[in-house]
PDB file of N, CA and C in Angstrom:
ATOM      1  N   MET A   1    -110.357 -86.977  37.023  1.00  0.00           N
ATOM      2  CA  MET A   1    -111.634 -87.238  36.426  1.00  0.00           C
ATOM      3  C   MET A   1    -112.206 -88.562  36.898  1.00  0.00           C
ATOM      4  N   LYS A   2    -111.317 -89.570  37.046  1.00  0.00           N
ATOM      5  CA  LYS A   2    -111.772 -90.869  37.500  1.00  0.00           C
ATOM      6  C   LYS A   2    -112.347 -90.775  38.909  1.00  0.00           C
ATOM      7  N   LYS A   3    -111.723 -89.958  39.749  1.00  0.00           N
ATOM      8  CA  LYS A   3    -112.183 -89.818  41.122  1.00  0.00           C
ATOM      9  C   LYS A   3    -113.581 -89.190  41.155  1.00  0.00           C
ATOM     10  N   THR A   4    -113.832 -88.222  40.292  1.00  0.00           N
ATOM     11  CA  THR A   4    -115.145 -87.584  40.224  1.00  0.00           C
ATOM     12  C   THR A   4    -116.202 -88.582  39.777  1.00  0.00           C
ATOM     13  N   ASN A   5    -115.875 -89.413  38.797  1.00  0.00           N
ATOM     14  CA  ASN A   5    -116.828 -90.423  38.329  1.00  0.00           C
ATOM     15  C   ASN A   5    -117.118 -91.449  39.432  1.00  0.00           C
ATOM     16  N   ARG A   6    -116.088 -91.855  40.149  1.00  0.00           N
ATOM     17  CA  ARG A   6    -116.259 -92.815  41.225  1.00  0.00           C
ATOM     18  C   ARG A   6    -117.150 -92.233  42.326  1.00  0.00           C
ATOM     19  N   THR A   7    -116.925 -90.979  42.685  1.00  0.00           N
ATOM     20  CA  THR A   7    -117.731 -90.306  43.705  1.00  0.00           C
ATOM     21  C   THR A   7    -119.185 -90.231  43.254  1.00  0.00           C
ATOM     22  N   PHE A   8    -119.389 -89.902  41.990  1.00  0.00           N
ATOM     23  CA  PHE A   8    -120.740 -89.811  41.445  1.00  0.00           C
ATOM     24  C   PHE A   8    -121.439 -91.172  41.511  1.00  0.00           C
ATOM     25  N   VAL A   9    -120.734 -92.229  41.161  1.00  0.00           N
ATOM     26  CA  VAL A   9    -121.307 -93.575  41.181  1.00  0.00           C
ATOM     27  C   VAL A   9    -121.655 -93.980  42.614  1.00  0.00           C
ATOM     28  N   VAL A  10    -120.798 -93.683  43.569  1.00  0.00           N
ATOM     29  CA  VAL A  10    -121.049 -94.022  44.962  1.00  0.00           C
ATOM     30  C   VAL A  10    -122.258 -93.250  45.486  1.00  0.00           C
ATOM     31  N   LEU A  11    -122.333 -91.968  45.188  1.00  0.00           N
ATOM     32  CA  LEU A  11    -123.483 -91.158  45.634  1.00  0.00           C
ATOM     33  C   LEU A  11    -124.781 -91.657  44.997  1.00  0.00           C
ATOM     34  N   ALA A  12    -124.750 -92.005  43.725  1.00  0.00           N
ATOM     35  CA  ALA A  12    -125.940 -92.511  43.044  1.00  0.00           C
ATOM     36  C   ALA A  12    -126.382 -93.834  43.660  1.00  0.00           C
ATOM     37  N   ALA A  13    -125.439 -94.693  44.015  1.00  0.00           N
ATOM     38  CA  ALA A  13    -125.766 -95.973  44.633  1.00  0.00           C
ATOM     39  C   ALA A  13    -126.382 -95.757  46.009  1.00  0.00           C
ATOM     40  N   LEU A  14    -125.846 -94.836  46.798  1.00  0.00           N
ATOM     41  CA  LEU A  14    -126.400 -94.534  48.119  1.00  0.00           C
ATOM     42  C   LEU A  14    -127.814 -93.967  48.005  1.00  0.00           C
ATOM     43  N   LEU A  15    -128.002 -93.080  47.042  1.00  0.00           N
ATOM     44  CA  LEU A  15    -129.321 -92.488  46.835  1.00  0.00           C
ATOM     45  C   LEU A  15    -130.333 -93.574  46.450  1.00  0.00           C
ATOM     46  N   ALA A  16    -129.935 -94.477  45.568  1.00  0.00           N
ATOM     47  CA  ALA A  16    -130.825 -95.561  45.155  1.00  0.00           C
ATOM     48  C   ALA A  16    -131.154 -96.469  46.327  1.00  0.00           C
ATOM     49  N   LEU A  17    -130.182 -96.719  47.182  1.00  0.00           N
ATOM     50  CA  LEU A  17    -130.399 -97.563  48.353  1.00  0.00           C
ATOM     51  C   LEU A  17    -131.388 -96.919  49.320  1.00  0.00           C
ATOM     52  N   VAL A  18    -131.224 -95.630  49.592  1.00  0.00           N
ATOM     53  CA  VAL A  18    -132.110 -94.919  50.515  1.00  0.00           C
ATOM     54  C   VAL A  18    -133.526 -94.847  49.956  1.00  0.00           C
ATOM     55  N   VAL A  19    -133.668 -94.480  48.699  1.00  0.00           N
ATOM     56  CA  VAL A  19    -134.990 -94.371  48.089  1.00  0.00           C
ATOM     57  C   VAL A  19    -135.645 -95.747  48.018  1.00  0.00           C
ATOM     58  N   GLY A  20    -134.901 -96.758  47.660  1.00  0.00           N
ATOM     59  CA  GLY A  20    -135.439 -98.115  47.568  1.00  0.00           C
ATOM     60  C   GLY A  20    -135.925 -98.633  48.902  1.00  0.00           C
ATOM     61  N   SER A  21    -135.169 -98.386  49.977  1.00  0.00           N
ATOM     62  CA  SER A  21    -135.601 -98.862  51.290  1.00  0.00           C
ATOM     63  C   SER A  21    -136.819 -98.092  51.791  1.00  0.00           C
ATOM     64  N   ALA A  22    -136.906 -96.813  51.460  1.00  0.00           N
ATOM     65  CA  ALA A  22    -138.081 -96.024  51.860  1.00  0.00           C
ATOM     66  C   ALA A  22    -139.334 -96.528  51.154  1.00  0.00           C
ATOM     67  N   ILE A  23    -139.213 -96.850  49.880  1.00  0.00           N
ATOM     68  CA  ILE A  23    -140.359 -97.375  49.126  1.00  0.00           C
ATOM     69  C   ILE A  23    -140.767 -98.740  49.669  1.00  0.00           C
ATOM     70  N   ALA A  24    -139.794 -99.575  49.964  1.00  0.00           N
ATOM     71  CA  ALA A  24    -140.092-100.913  50.473  1.00  0.00           C
ATOM     72  C   ALA A  24    -140.787-100.849  51.826  1.00  0.00           C
ATOM     73  N   SER A  25    -140.330 -99.975  52.702  1.00  0.00           N
ATOM     74  CA  SER A  25    -140.968 -99.888  54.020  1.00  0.00           C
ATOM     75  C   SER A  25    -142.364 -99.290  53.914  1.00  0.00           C
ATOM     76  N   ALA A  26    -142.578 -98.383  52.974  1.00  0.00           N
ATOM     77  CA  ALA A  26    -143.909 -97.807  52.783  1.00  0.00           C
ATOM     78  C   ALA A  26    -144.872 -98.853  52.246  1.00  0.00           C
ATOM     79  N   GLN A  27    -144.395 -99.757  51.420  1.00  0.00           N
ATOM     80  CA  GLN A  27    -145.265-100.801  50.886  1.00  0.00           C
ATOM     81  C   GLN A  27    -145.592-101.854  51.927  1.00  0.00           C
ATOM     82  N   MET A  28    -144.692-102.068  52.874  1.00  0.00           N
ATOM     83  CA  MET A  28    -144.910-103.091  53.887  1.00  0.00           C
ATOM     84  C   MET A  28    -145.883-102.637  54.968  1.00  0.00           C
ATOM     85  N   ALA A  29    -145.920-101.360  55.292  1.00  0.00           N
ATOM     86  CA  ALA A  29    -146.789-100.859  56.353  1.00  0.00           C
ATOM     87  C   ALA A  29    -148.220-100.767  55.828  1.00  0.00           C
ATOM     88  N   PRO A  30    -149.203-101.357  56.553  1.00  0.00           N
ATOM     89  CA  PRO A  30    -150.592-101.265  56.105  1.00  0.00           C
ATOM     90  C   PRO A  30    -151.099 -99.840  56.278  1.00  0.00           C
ATOM     91  N   PRO A  31    -152.027 -99.420  55.442  1.00  0.00           N
ATOM     92  CA  PRO A  31    -152.588 -98.076  55.599  1.00  0.00           C
ATOM     93  C   PRO A  31    -153.268 -97.925  56.949  1.00  0.00           C
ATOM     94  N   ALA A  32    -153.296 -96.712  57.471  1.00  0.00           N
ATOM     95  CA  ALA A  32    -153.871 -96.453  58.793  1.00  0.00           C
ATOM     96  C   ALA A  32    -155.352 -96.807  58.844  1.00  0.00           C
ATOM     97  N   SER A  33    -156.071 -96.658  57.728  1.00  0.00           N
ATOM     98  CA  SER A  33    -157.499 -96.936  57.733  1.00  0.00           C
ATOM     99  C   SER A  33    -157.805 -98.405  57.489  1.00  0.00           C
ATOM    100  N   SER A  34    -156.788 -99.203  57.205  1.00  0.00           N
ATOM    101  CA  SER A  34    -156.979-100.623  56.943  1.00  0.00           C
ATOM    102  C   SER A  34    -157.320-101.361  58.229  1.00  0.00           C
ATOM    103  N   GLN A  35    -158.273-102.250  58.130  1.00  0.00           N
ATOM    104  CA  GLN A  35    -158.643-103.065  59.284  1.00  0.00           C
ATOM    105  C   GLN A  35    -158.529-104.525  58.894  1.00  0.00           C
ATOM    106  N   GLY A  36    -157.720-105.241  59.593  1.00  0.00           N
ATOM    107  CA  GLY A  36    -157.564-106.660  59.347  1.00  0.00           C
ATOM    108  C   GLY A  36    -158.631-107.427  60.084  1.00  0.00           C
ATOM    109  N   PRO A  37    -158.667-108.739  59.857  1.00  0.00           N
ATOM    110  CA  PRO A  37    -159.657-109.545  60.577  1.00  0.00           C
ATOM    111  C   PRO A  37    -159.403-109.499  62.067  1.00  0.00           C
ATOM    112  N   GLY A  38    -160.447-109.376  62.818  1.00  0.00           N
ATOM    113  CA  GLY A  38    -160.320-109.327  64.275  1.00  0.00           C
ATOM    114  C   GLY A  38    -160.043-107.945  64.817  1.00  0.00           C
ATOM    115  N   THR A  39    -159.879-106.963  63.934  1.00  0.00           N
ATOM    116  CA  THR A  39    -159.637-105.603  64.383  1.00  0.00           C
ATOM    117  C   THR A  39    -160.978-104.928  64.605  1.00  0.00           C
ATOM    118  N   PRO A  40    -161.258-104.450  65.816  1.00  0.00           N
ATOM    119  CA  PRO A  40    -162.561-103.811  66.050  1.00  0.00           C
ATOM    120  C   PRO A  40    -162.663-102.493  65.294  1.00  0.00           C
ATOM    121  N   ALA A  41    -163.835-102.236  64.783  1.00  0.00           N
ATOM    122  CA  ALA A  41    -164.074-100.979  64.072  1.00  0.00           C
ATOM    123  C   ALA A  41    -164.115 -99.841  65.072  1.00  0.00           C
ATOM    124  N   GLN A  42    -163.492 -98.733  64.702  1.00  0.00           N
ATOM    125  CA  GLN A  42    -163.534 -97.559  65.570  1.00  0.00           C
ATOM    126  C   GLN A  42    -164.783 -96.767  65.234  1.00  0.00           C
ATOM    127  N   THR A  43    -165.529 -96.402  66.253  1.00  0.00           N
ATOM    128  CA  THR A  43    -166.749 -95.640  66.039  1.00  0.00           C
ATOM    129  C   THR A  43    -166.550 -94.218  66.530  1.00  0.00           C
ATOM    130  N   THR A  44    -167.306 -93.329  65.933  1.00  0.00           N
ATOM    131  CA  THR A  44    -167.242 -91.935  66.351  1.00  0.00           C
ATOM    132  C   THR A  44    -168.508 -91.554  67.099  1.00  0.00           C
ATOM    133  N   MET A  45    -169.247 -92.552  67.535  1.00  0.00           N
ATOM    134  CA  MET A  45    -170.476 -92.276  68.263  1.00  0.00           C
ATOM    135  C   MET A  45    -170.130 -91.725  69.643  1.00  0.00           C
ATOM    136  N   PRO A  46    -170.896 -90.748  70.094  1.00  0.00           N
ATOM    137  CA  PRO A  46    -170.628 -90.187  71.413  1.00  0.00           C
ATOM    138  C   PRO A  46    -170.849 -91.219  72.517  1.00  0.00           C
ATOM    139  N   GLN A  47    -170.110 -91.079  73.574  1.00  0.00           N
ATOM    140  CA  GLN A  47    -170.214 -91.977  74.720  1.00  0.00           C
ATOM    141  C   GLN A  47    -171.226 -91.386  75.706  1.00  0.00           C
ATOM    142  N   ALA A  48    -172.221 -92.177  76.110  1.00  0.00           N
ATOM    143  CA  ALA A  48    -173.213 -91.710  77.076  1.00  0.00           C
ATOM    144  C   ALA A  48    -172.575 -91.638  78.458  1.00  0.00           C
ATOM    145  N   LYS A  49    -172.888 -90.573  79.181  1.00  0.00           N
ATOM    146  CA  LYS A  49    -172.384 -90.387  80.542  1.00  0.00           C
ATOM    147  C   LYS A  49    -173.581 -90.329  81.474  1.00  0.00           C
ATOM    148  N   ALA A  50    -173.373 -90.746  82.714  1.00  0.00           N
ATOM    149  CA  ALA A  50    -174.457 -90.751  83.701  1.00  0.00           C
ATOM    150  C   ALA A  50    -174.269 -89.606  84.692  1.00  0.00           C
ATOM    151  N   ILE A  51    -175.391 -89.091  85.187  1.00  0.00           N
ATOM    152  CA  ILE A  51    -175.359 -88.022  86.183  1.00  0.00           C
ATOM    153  C   ILE A  51    -176.555 -88.203  87.115  1.00  0.00           C
ATOM    154  N   HIS A  52    -176.366 -87.822  88.365  1.00  0.00           N
ATOM    155  CA  HIS A  52    -177.426 -87.876  89.375  1.00  0.00           C
ATOM    156  C   HIS A  52    -177.460 -86.519  90.067  1.00  0.00           C
ATOM    157  N   GLY A  53    -178.642 -86.079  90.434  1.00  0.00           N
ATOM    158  CA  GLY A  53    -178.738 -84.825  91.165  1.00  0.00           C
ATOM    159  C   GLY A  53    -180.176 -84.383  91.324  1.00  0.00           C
ATOM    160  N   ALA A  54    -180.336 -83.234  91.972  1.00  0.00           N
ATOM    161  CA  ALA A  54    -181.667 -82.654  92.172  1.00  0.00           C
ATOM    162  C   ALA A  54    -181.853 -81.519  91.180  1.00  0.00           C
ATOM    163  N   ILE A  55    -183.062 -81.423  90.649  1.00  0.00           N
ATOM    164  CA  ILE A  55    -183.370 -80.342  89.714  1.00  0.00           C
ATOM    165  C   ILE A  55    -183.437 -79.040  90.484  1.00  0.00           C
ATOM    166  N   LYS A  56    -182.668 -78.053  90.044  1.00  0.00           N
ATOM    167  CA  LYS A  56    -182.668 -76.728  90.662  1.00  0.00           C
ATOM    168  C   LYS A  56    -183.669 -75.823  89.958  1.00  0.00           C
ATOM    169  N   SER A  57    -183.652 -75.867  88.602  1.00  0.00           N
ATOM    170  CA  SER A  57    -184.594 -75.040  87.850  1.00  0.00           C
ATOM    171  C   SER A  57    -184.949 -75.726  86.533  1.00  0.00           C
ATOM    172  N   VAL A  58    -186.110 -75.324  85.993  1.00  0.00           N
ATOM    173  CA  VAL A  58    -186.629 -75.895  84.759  1.00  0.00           C
ATOM    174  C   VAL A  58    -186.915 -74.762  83.794  1.00  0.00           C
ATOM    175  N   ASP A  59    -186.464 -74.915  82.563  1.00  0.00           N
ATOM    176  CA  ASP A  59    -186.754 -73.939  81.509  1.00  0.00           C
ATOM    177  C   ASP A  59    -187.507 -74.677  80.406  1.00  0.00           C
ATOM    178  N   PRO A  60    -188.837 -74.746  80.501  1.00  0.00           N
ATOM    179  CA  PRO A  60    -189.610 -75.542  79.543  1.00  0.00           C
ATOM    180  C   PRO A  60    -189.541 -75.015  78.114  1.00  0.00           C
ATOM    181  N   SER A  61    -189.389 -73.703  77.941  1.00  0.00           N
ATOM    182  CA  SER A  61    -189.350 -73.163  76.574  1.00  0.00           C
ATOM    183  C   SER A  61    -188.105 -73.615  75.823  1.00  0.00           C
ATOM    184  N   LYS A  62    -187.011 -73.752  76.550  1.00  0.00           N
ATOM    185  CA  LYS A  62    -185.777 -74.218  75.911  1.00  0.00           C
ATOM    186  C   LYS A  62    -185.591 -75.721  76.102  1.00  0.00           C
ATOM    187  N   LYS A  63    -186.536 -76.337  76.792  1.00  0.00           N
ATOM    188  CA  LYS A  63    -186.449 -77.767  77.065  1.00  0.00           C
ATOM    189  C   LYS A  63    -185.137 -78.113  77.758  1.00  0.00           C
ATOM    190  N   SER A  64    -184.859 -77.419  78.849  1.00  0.00           N
ATOM    191  CA  SER A  64    -183.634 -77.702  79.596  1.00  0.00           C
ATOM    192  C   SER A  64    -183.910 -77.658  81.092  1.00  0.00           C
ATOM    193  N   ILE A  65    -183.046 -78.350  81.834  1.00  0.00           N
ATOM    194  CA  ILE A  65    -183.098 -78.305  83.296  1.00  0.00           C
ATOM    195  C   ILE A  65    -181.691 -78.014  83.798  1.00  0.00           C
ATOM    196  N   THR A  66    -181.628 -77.405  84.966  1.00  0.00           N
ATOM    197  CA  THR A  66    -180.346 -77.162  85.623  1.00  0.00           C
ATOM    198  C   THR A  66    -180.379 -77.911  86.946  1.00  0.00           C
ATOM    199  N   LEU A  67    -179.307 -78.676  87.190  1.00  0.00           N
ATOM    200  CA  LEU A  67    -179.224 -79.434  88.436  1.00  0.00           C
ATOM    201  C   LEU A  67    -178.606 -78.593  89.532  1.00  0.00           C
ATOM    202  N   ASP A  68    -178.690 -79.099  90.768  1.00  0.00           N
ATOM    203  CA  ASP A  68    -178.185 -78.346  91.917  1.00  0.00           C
ATOM    204  C   ASP A  68    -176.677 -78.100  91.858  1.00  0.00           C
ATOM    205  N   ASP A  69    -175.947 -78.882  91.047  1.00  0.00           N
ATOM    206  CA  ASP A  69    -174.498 -78.646  90.913  1.00  0.00           C
ATOM    207  C   ASP A  69    -174.170 -77.694  89.772  1.00  0.00           C
ATOM    208  N   GLY A  70    -175.223 -77.148  89.099  1.00  0.00           N
ATOM    209  CA  GLY A  70    -175.014 -76.199  88.010  1.00  0.00           C
ATOM    210  C   GLY A  70    -174.995 -76.830  86.629  1.00  0.00           C
ATOM    211  N   THR A  71    -175.061 -78.142  86.552  1.00  0.00           N
ATOM    212  CA  THR A  71    -175.058 -78.828  85.262  1.00  0.00           C
ATOM    213  C   THR A  71    -176.355 -78.544  84.524  1.00  0.00           C
ATOM    214  N   LYS A  72    -176.234 -78.108  83.264  1.00  0.00           N
ATOM    215  CA  LYS A  72    -177.410 -77.828  82.443  1.00  0.00           C
ATOM    216  C   LYS A  72    -177.592 -78.974  81.452  1.00  0.00           C
ATOM    217  N   LEU A  73    -178.783 -79.584  81.472  1.00  0.00           N
ATOM    218  CA  LEU A  73    -179.114 -80.695  80.591  1.00  0.00           C
ATOM    219  C   LEU A  73    -180.212 -80.266  79.628  1.00  0.00           C
ATOM    220  N   MET A  74    -179.996 -80.547  78.343  1.00  0.00           N
ATOM    221  CA  MET A  74    -181.005 -80.263  77.325  1.00  0.00           C
ATOM    222  C   MET A  74    -181.901 -81.495  77.197  1.00  0.00           C
ATOM    223  N   ILE A  75    -183.221 -81.273  77.161  1.00  0.00           N
ATOM    224  CA  ILE A  75    -184.189 -82.362  77.069  1.00  0.00           C
ATOM    225  C   ILE A  75    -184.787 -82.349  75.656  1.00  0.00           C
ATOM    226  N   PRO A  76    -184.370 -83.279  74.796  1.00  0.00           N
ATOM    227  CA  PRO A  76    -184.942 -83.299  73.439  1.00  0.00           C
ATOM    228  C   PRO A  76    -186.385 -83.807  73.473  1.00  0.00           C
ATOM    229  N   ALA A  77    -187.127 -83.512  72.415  1.00  0.00           N
ATOM    230  CA  ALA A  77    -188.521 -83.947  72.334  1.00  0.00           C
ATOM    231  C   ALA A  77    -188.624 -85.466  72.381  1.00  0.00           C
ATOM    232  N   SER A  78    -187.586 -86.163  71.935  1.00  0.00           N
ATOM    233  CA  SER A  78    -187.616 -87.631  71.917  1.00  0.00           C
ATOM    234  C   SER A  78    -187.474 -88.248  73.309  1.00  0.00           C
ATOM    235  N   ALA A  79    -187.006 -87.469  74.284  1.00  0.00           N
ATOM    236  CA  ALA A  79    -186.854 -87.991  75.650  1.00  0.00           C
ATOM    237  C   ALA A  79    -188.212 -87.961  76.340  1.00  0.00           C
ATOM    238  N   ALA A  80    -188.596 -89.091  76.896  1.00  0.00           N
ATOM    239  CA  ALA A  80    -189.888 -89.189  77.581  1.00  0.00           C
ATOM    240  C   ALA A  80    -189.731 -88.668  78.999  1.00  0.00           C
ATOM    241  N   ALA A  81    -190.207 -87.441  79.228  1.00  0.00           N
ATOM    242  CA  ALA A  81    -190.158 -86.843  80.568  1.00  0.00           C
ATOM    243  C   ALA A  81    -191.456 -86.070  80.775  1.00  0.00           C
ATOM    244  N   ASP A  82    -192.152 -86.393  81.841  1.00  0.00           N
ATOM    245  CA  ASP A  82    -193.419 -85.704  82.088  1.00  0.00           C
ATOM    246  C   ASP A  82    -193.200 -84.487  82.984  1.00  0.00           C
ATOM    247  N   ALA A  83    -194.206 -83.632  83.031  1.00  0.00           N
ATOM    248  CA  ALA A  83    -194.117 -82.386  83.811  1.00  0.00           C
ATOM    249  C   ALA A  83    -193.952 -82.664  85.301  1.00  0.00           C
ATOM    250  N   GLU A  84    -194.479 -83.778  85.781  1.00  0.00           N
ATOM    251  CA  GLU A  84    -194.351 -84.123  87.201  1.00  0.00           C
ATOM    252  C   GLU A  84    -192.897 -84.412  87.560  1.00  0.00           C
ATOM    253  N   THR A  85    -192.159 -85.010  86.638  1.00  0.00           N
ATOM    254  CA  THR A  85    -190.748 -85.318  86.872  1.00  0.00           C
ATOM    255  C   THR A  85    -189.899 -84.058  86.809  1.00  0.00           C
ATOM    256  N   LEU A  86    -190.211 -83.190  85.862  1.00  0.00           N
ATOM    257  CA  LEU A  86    -189.392 -81.993  85.643  1.00  0.00           C
ATOM    258  C   LEU A  86    -189.845 -80.830  86.508  1.00  0.00           C
ATOM    259  N   LYS A  87    -189.592 -80.924  87.795  1.00  0.00           N
ATOM    260  CA  LYS A  87    -189.901 -79.813  88.690  1.00  0.00           C
ATOM    261  C   LYS A  87    -188.769 -79.673  89.698  1.00  0.00           C
ATOM    262  N   PRO A  88    -188.537 -78.462  90.180  1.00  0.00           N
ATOM    263  CA  PRO A  88    -187.453 -78.235  91.138  1.00  0.00           C
ATOM    264  C   PRO A  88    -187.593 -79.131  92.369  1.00  0.00           C
ATOM    265  N   GLY A  89    -186.448 -79.658  92.800  1.00  0.00           N
ATOM    266  CA  GLY A  89    -186.401 -80.502  93.981  1.00  0.00           C
ATOM    267  C   GLY A  89    -186.419 -81.996  93.673  1.00  0.00           C
ATOM    268  N   THR A  90    -186.893 -82.371  92.487  1.00  0.00           N
ATOM    269  CA  THR A  90    -186.936 -83.785  92.122  1.00  0.00           C
ATOM    270  C   THR A  90    -185.514 -84.298  91.893  1.00  0.00           C
ATOM    271  N   ARG A  91    -185.196 -85.416  92.519  1.00  0.00           N
ATOM    272  CA  ARG A  91    -183.882 -86.047  92.292  1.00  0.00           C
ATOM    273  C   ARG A  91    -184.002 -86.934  91.052  1.00  0.00           C
ATOM    274  N   ILE A  92    -183.012 -86.821  90.176  1.00  0.00           N
ATOM    275  CA  ILE A  92    -183.055 -87.581  88.927  1.00  0.00           C
ATOM    276  C   ILE A  92    -181.763 -88.347  88.690  1.00  0.00           C
ATOM    277  N   SER A  93    -181.888 -89.345  87.846  1.00  0.00           N
ATOM    278  CA  SER A  93    -180.748 -90.045  87.266  1.00  0.00           C
ATOM    279  C   SER A  93    -180.904 -89.871  85.766  1.00  0.00           C
ATOM    280  N   ALA A  94    -179.861 -89.440  85.110  1.00  0.00           N
ATOM    281  CA  ALA A  94    -179.946 -89.209  83.675  1.00  0.00           C
ATOM    282  C   ALA A  94    -178.691 -89.716  82.984  1.00  0.00           C
ATOM    283  N   LYS A  95    -178.865 -90.039  81.715  1.00  0.00           N
ATOM    284  CA  LYS A  95    -177.731 -90.324  80.834  1.00  0.00           C
ATOM    285  C   LYS A  95    -177.781 -89.272  79.742  1.00  0.00           C
ATOM    286  N   TYR A  96    -176.589 -88.805  79.351  1.00  0.00           N
ATOM    287  CA  TYR A  96    -176.540 -87.769  78.331  1.00  0.00           C
ATOM    288  C   TYR A  96    -175.323 -87.970  77.438  1.00  0.00           C
ATOM    289  N   GLU A  97    -175.370 -87.313  76.271  1.00  0.00           N
ATOM    290  CA  GLU A  97    -174.253 -87.300  75.340  1.00  0.00           C
ATOM    291  C   GLU A  97    -173.903 -85.846  75.049  1.00  0.00           C
ATOM    292  N   GLU A  98    -172.619 -85.575  74.867  1.00  0.00           N
ATOM    293  CA  GLU A  98    -172.163 -84.236  74.501  1.00  0.00           C
ATOM    294  C   GLU A  98    -172.390 -84.066  73.000  1.00  0.00           C
ATOM    295  N   LYS A  99    -173.191 -83.070  72.638  1.00  0.00           N
ATOM    296  CA  LYS A  99    -173.462 -82.772  71.225  1.00  0.00           C
ATOM    297  C   LYS A  99    -173.410 -81.267  71.030  1.00  0.00           C
ATOM    298  N   GLY A 100    -172.510 -80.811  70.221  1.00  0.00           N
ATOM    299  CA  GLY A 100    -172.416 -79.377  69.949  1.00  0.00           C
ATOM    300  C   GLY A 100    -172.164 -78.549  71.196  1.00  0.00           C
ATOM    301  N   GLY A 101    -171.424 -79.090  72.146  1.00  0.00           N
ATOM    302  CA  GLY A 101    -171.112 -78.364  73.373  1.00  0.00           C
ATOM    303  C   GLY A 101    -172.220 -78.388  74.413  1.00  0.00           C
ATOM    304  N   GLN A 102    -173.287 -79.143  74.142  1.00  0.00           N
ATOM    305  CA  GLN A 102    -174.397 -79.249  75.093  1.00  0.00           C
ATOM    306  C   GLN A 102    -174.528 -80.675  75.585  1.00  0.00           C
ATOM    307  N   LYS A 103    -175.050 -80.828  76.781  1.00  0.00           N
ATOM    308  CA  LYS A 103    -175.322 -82.152  77.353  1.00  0.00           C
ATOM    309  C   LYS A 103    -176.771 -82.494  77.023  1.00  0.00           C
ATOM    310  N   VAL A 104    -176.947 -83.426  76.076  1.00  0.00           N
ATOM    311  CA  VAL A 104    -178.282 -83.774  75.595  1.00  0.00           C
ATOM    312  C   VAL A 104    -178.699 -85.101  76.230  1.00  0.00           C
ATOM    313  N   VAL A 105    -179.829 -85.069  76.939  1.00  0.00           N
ATOM    314  CA  VAL A 105    -180.325 -86.235  77.665  1.00  0.00           C
ATOM    315  C   VAL A 105    -180.741 -87.336  76.693  1.00  0.00           C
ATOM    316  N   THR A 106    -180.301 -88.560  76.999  1.00  0.00           N
ATOM    317  CA  THR A 106    -180.737 -89.732  76.236  1.00  0.00           C
ATOM    318  C   THR A 106    -181.722 -90.563  77.051  1.00  0.00           C
ATOM    319  N   SER A 107    -181.646 -90.486  78.384  1.00  0.00           N
ATOM    320  CA  SER A 107    -182.639 -91.129  79.252  1.00  0.00           C
ATOM    321  C   SER A 107    -182.698 -90.360  80.569  1.00  0.00           C
ATOM    322  N   LEU A 108    -183.886 -90.342  81.157  1.00  0.00           N
ATOM    323  CA  LEU A 108    -184.105 -89.571  82.381  1.00  0.00           C
ATOM    324  C   LEU A 108    -185.099 -90.322  83.256  1.00  0.00           C
ATOM    325  N   GLN A 109    -184.741 -90.497  84.528  1.00  0.00           N
ATOM    326  CA  GLN A 109    -185.633 -91.155  85.478  1.00  0.00           C
ATOM    327  C   GLN A 109    -185.622 -90.395  86.791  1.00  0.00           C
ATOM    328  N   ALA A 110    -186.813 -90.268  87.382  1.00  0.00           N
ATOM    329  CA  ALA A 110    -186.896 -89.682  88.721  1.00  0.00           C
ATOM    330  C   ALA A 110    -186.479 -90.754  89.713  1.00  0.00           C
ATOM    331  N   GLU A 111    -185.658 -90.352  90.682  1.00  0.00           N
ATOM    332  CA  GLU A 111    -185.254 -91.290  91.734  1.00  0.00           C
ATOM    333  C   GLU A 111    -186.353 -91.327  92.787  1.00  0.00           C
ATOM    334  N   PRO A 112    -186.546 -92.449  93.446  1.00  0.00           N
ATOM    335  CA  PRO A 112    -187.573 -92.531  94.477  1.00  0.00           C
ATOM    336  C   PRO A 112    -187.304 -91.520  95.589  1.00  0.00           C
ATOM    337  N   ALA A 113    -188.367 -90.931  96.080  1.00  0.00           N
ATOM    338  CA  ALA A 113    -188.237 -89.960  97.184  1.00  0.00           C
ATOM    339  C   ALA A 113    -187.746 -90.686  98.422  1.00  0.00           C
ATOM    340  N   PRO A 114    -186.858 -90.047  99.198  1.00  0.00           N
ATOM    341  CA  PRO A 114    -186.369 -90.701 100.417  1.00  0.00           C
ATOM    342  C   PRO A 114    -187.514 -90.889 101.410  1.00  0.00           C
ATOM    343  N   LYS A 115    -187.496 -92.034 102.082  1.00  0.00           N
ATOM    344  CA  LYS A 115    -188.533 -92.315 103.087  1.00  0.00           C
ATOM    345  C   LYS A 115    -188.275 -91.485 104.322  1.00  0.00           C
ATOM    346  N   SER A 116    -189.326 -90.909 104.855  1.00  0.00           N
ATOM    347  CA  SER A 116    -189.151 -90.073 106.054  1.00  0.00           C
ATOM    348  C   SER A 116    -189.676 -90.747 107.282  1.00  0.00           C
TER     349      SER A 116
END
């Protein structure tokens, strides 16, 4: 009987030690969302990407253009682009963000025509 009591006491002490150390380590680790001083805030804003190419086709009803490499860019109403710029053959430089699986233009400029 004494041996059973001793075994029980040893097991209880080990269990208390394991649980106590787990609680202590959990209290010492800062939460994942915690930001200390000097820690930059993480943003979920999309990253703008740049693209260059020639316009292959224009779909004004859907407000989109397709470049010669097959890239399809959506032109929102907020993007300032005139009809003269949006025509096949015009070389452009654009910045876009991925939104809902589409490449949405944030800025668009016609590149100067090559001198002949």
